[in-house]
C-alpha atoms as a PDB file:
ATOM      1  CA  UNK A   1     220.427-121.126  64.044  1.00  0.00           C
ATOM      2  CA  UNK A   2     223.651-123.156  63.917  1.00  0.00           C
ATOM      3  CA  UNK A   3     226.628-122.837  61.646  1.00  0.00           C
ATOM      4  CA  UNK A   4     230.158-124.247  61.535  1.00  0.00           C
ATOM      5  CA  UNK A   5     233.396-122.389  61.378  1.00  0.00           C
ATOM      6  CA  UNK A   6     236.804-123.779  60.516  1.00  0.00           C
ATOM      7  CA  UNK A   7     239.159-122.993  63.377  1.00  0.00           C
ATOM      8  CA  UNK A   8     242.874-122.654  62.651  1.00  0.00           C
ATOM      9  CA  UNK A   9     245.179-122.891  65.618  1.00  0.00           C
ATOM     10  CA  UNK A  10     247.501-119.964  66.334  1.00  0.00           C
ATOM     11  CA  UNK A  11     249.108-121.526  69.400  1.00  0.00           C
ATOM     12  CA  UNK A  12     252.856-122.240  69.181  1.00  0.00           C
ATOM     13  CA  UNK A  13     253.446-125.769  67.944  1.00  0.00           C
ATOM     14  CA  UNK A  14     249.864-126.153  66.729  1.00  0.00           C
ATOM     15  CA  UNK A  15     249.916-123.935  63.629  1.00  0.00           C
ATOM     16  CA  UNK A  16     248.192-125.590  60.710  1.00  0.00           C
ATOM     17  CA  UNK A  17     246.020-127.857  62.851  1.00  0.00           C
ATOM     18  CA  UNK A  18     242.413-127.408  61.819  1.00  0.00           C
ATOM     19  CA  UNK A  19     239.145-128.502  63.353  1.00  0.00           C
ATOM     20  CA  UNK A  20     235.519-127.718  62.831  1.00  0.00           C
ATOM     21  CA  UNK A  21     233.870-126.047  65.798  1.00  0.00           C
ATOM     22  CA  UNK A  22     230.141-125.375  65.613  1.00  0.00           C
ATOM     23  CA  UNK A  23     228.681-122.253  67.213  1.00  0.00           C
ATOM     24  CA  UNK A  24     225.186-120.854  67.569  1.00  0.00           C
ATOM     25  CA  UNK A  25     224.522-117.477  65.988  1.00  0.00           C
ATOM     26  CA  UNK A  26     223.957-116.185  69.540  1.00  0.00           C
ATOM     27  CA  UNK A  27     227.502-117.121  70.530  1.00  0.00           C
ATOM     28  CA  UNK A  28     228.996-115.693  67.372  1.00  0.00           C
ATOM     29  CA  UNK A  29     227.284-112.390  68.217  1.00  0.00           C
ATOM     30  CA  UNK A  30     228.057-112.390  71.965  1.00  0.00           C
ATOM     31  CA  UNK A  31     231.733-113.161  71.475  1.00  0.00           C
ATOM     32  CA  UNK A  32     232.189-109.697  69.986  1.00  0.00           C
ATOM     33  CA  UNK A  33     232.148-108.380  73.567  1.00  0.00           C
ATOM     34  CA  UNK A  34     235.673-107.549  74.800  1.00  0.00           C
ATOM     35  CA  UNK A  35     235.528-110.107  77.636  1.00  0.00           C
ATOM     36  CA  UNK A  36     234.563-112.860  75.159  1.00  0.00           C
ATOM     37  CA  UNK A  37     236.699-111.788  72.199  1.00  0.00           C
ATOM     38  CA  UNK A  38     239.856-112.975  73.980  1.00  0.00           C
ATOM     39  CA  UNK A  39     238.592-116.563  74.153  1.00  0.00           C
ATOM     40  CA  UNK A  40     240.359-118.661  71.521  1.00  0.00           C
ATOM     41  CA  UNK A  41     238.647-121.428  69.572  1.00  0.00           C
ATOM     42  CA  UNK A  42     241.453-123.766  70.673  1.00  0.00           C
ATOM     43  CA  UNK A  43     240.568-123.173  74.315  1.00  0.00           C
ATOM     44  CA  UNK A  44     236.903-123.857  73.660  1.00  0.00           C
ATOM     45  CA  UNK A  45     237.770-127.091  71.894  1.00  0.00           C
ATOM     46  CA  UNK A  46     240.052-128.109  74.774  1.00  0.00           C
ATOM     47  CA  UNK A  47     237.243-127.590  77.312  1.00  0.00           C
ATOM     48  CA  UNK A  48     234.749-129.484  75.139  1.00  0.00           C
ATOM     49  CA  UNK A  49     237.110-132.446  74.769  1.00  0.00           C
ATOM     50  CA  UNK A  50     238.770-132.471  78.220  1.00  0.00           C
ATOM     51  CA  UNK A  51     236.517-130.969  80.909  1.00  0.00           C
ATOM     52  CA  UNK A  52     237.373-131.244  84.588  1.00  0.00           C
ATOM     53  CA  UNK A  53     233.658-131.059  85.368  1.00  0.00           C
ATOM     54  CA  UNK A  54     230.401-131.443  83.469  1.00  0.00           C
ATOM     55  CA  UNK A  55     226.800-130.785  84.465  1.00  0.00           C
ATOM     56  CA  UNK A  56     223.551-130.948  82.510  1.00  0.00           C
ATOM     57  CA  UNK A  57     221.077-128.088  82.840  1.00  0.00           C
ATOM     58  CA  UNK A  58     217.314-128.708  83.051  1.00  0.00           C
ATOM     59  CA  UNK A  59     216.945-127.544  79.429  1.00  0.00           C
ATOM     60  CA  UNK A  60     219.417-130.236  78.286  1.00  0.00           C
ATOM     61  CA  UNK A  61     222.355-127.919  77.669  1.00  0.00           C
ATOM     62  CA  UNK A  62     225.703-129.154  78.920  1.00  0.00           C
ATOM     63  CA  UNK A  63     228.121-127.073  80.981  1.00  0.00           C
ATOM     64  CA  UNK A  64     231.799-127.996  80.880  1.00  0.00           C
ATOM     65  CA  UNK A  65     234.733-126.399  82.696  1.00  0.00           C
ATOM     66  CA  UNK A  66     238.512-126.600  82.375  1.00  0.00           C
ATOM     67  CA  UNK A  67     241.430-124.386  83.417  1.00  0.00           C
ATOM     68  CA  UNK A  68     243.214-122.370  80.746  1.00  0.00           C
ATOM     69  CA  UNK A  69     246.925-122.186  81.500  1.00  0.00           C
ATOM     70  CA  UNK A  70     247.545-119.154  79.262  1.00  0.00           C
ATOM     71  CA  UNK A  71     244.956-117.245  81.326  1.00  0.00           C
ATOM     72  CA  UNK A  72     246.530-117.957  84.728  1.00  0.00           C
ATOM     73  CA  UNK A  73     244.509-121.190  85.070  1.00  0.00           C
ATOM     74  CA  UNK A  74     241.198-119.352  85.115  1.00  0.00           C
ATOM     75  CA  UNK A  75     238.314-121.728  84.439  1.00  0.00           C
ATOM     76  CA  UNK A  76     236.578-121.447  81.101  1.00  0.00           C
ATOM     77  CA  UNK A  77     232.942-122.552  81.097  1.00  0.00           C
ATOM     78  CA  UNK A  78     231.591-123.765  77.769  1.00  0.00           C
ATOM     79  CA  UNK A  79     227.853-124.313  77.349  1.00  0.00           C
ATOM     80  CA  UNK A  80     226.897-126.804  74.664  1.00  0.00           C
ATOM     81  CA  UNK A  81     223.538-127.520  73.089  1.00  0.00           C
ATOM     82  CA  UNK A  82     222.038-130.949  73.829  1.00  0.00           C
ATOM     83  CA  UNK A  83     223.780-132.285  70.679  1.00  0.00           C
ATOM     84  CA  UNK A  84     226.978-132.111  72.814  1.00  0.00           C
ATOM     85  CA  UNK A  85     229.006-130.418  70.058  1.00  0.00           C
ATOM     86  CA  UNK A  86     227.487-127.003  69.292  1.00  0.00           C
ATOM     87  CA  UNK A  87     228.816-124.156  71.469  1.00  0.00           C
ATOM     88  CA  UNK A  88     226.107-121.825  72.742  1.00  0.00           C
ATOM     89  CA  UNK A  89     228.237-119.813  75.175  1.00  0.00           C
ATOM     90  CA  UNK A  90     231.750-119.620  76.647  1.00  0.00           C
ATOM     91  CA  UNK A  91     233.161-117.376  79.342  1.00  0.00           C
ATOM     92  CA  UNK A  92     235.624-117.323  82.221  1.00  0.00           C
ATOM     93  CA  UNK A  93     233.660-118.423  85.273  1.00  0.00           C
ATOM     94  CA  UNK A  94     234.872-116.462  88.299  1.00  0.00           C
ATOM     95  CA  UNK A  95     232.663-118.407  90.702  1.00  0.00           C
ATOM     96  CA  UNK A  96     233.690-121.917  89.664  1.00  0.00           C
ATOM     97  CA  UNK A  97     235.277-124.094  92.329  1.00  0.00           C
ATOM     98  CA  UNK A  98     236.736-127.424  91.116  1.00  0.00           C
END
């Protein structure tokens, strides 16, 4: 169900920086959608490590939000599995209010 992928940064000034980001197979499939394909691994990692808000769902999954400057400060929501490191979903949350 879970696998890791080596993420290589393409952001200016961060080329060559590598990190391991774990994704569910569901997320790897769903991110093929055009609205999800634009989401960079670097942004996901930034939200995971530096959220402005975090909530825990009843099923134990963790929701984290942070603004993405390159996307006009739209808030990216990242949903993690209860292990707090595996990404299950990520999308720009139009209804989020900080």
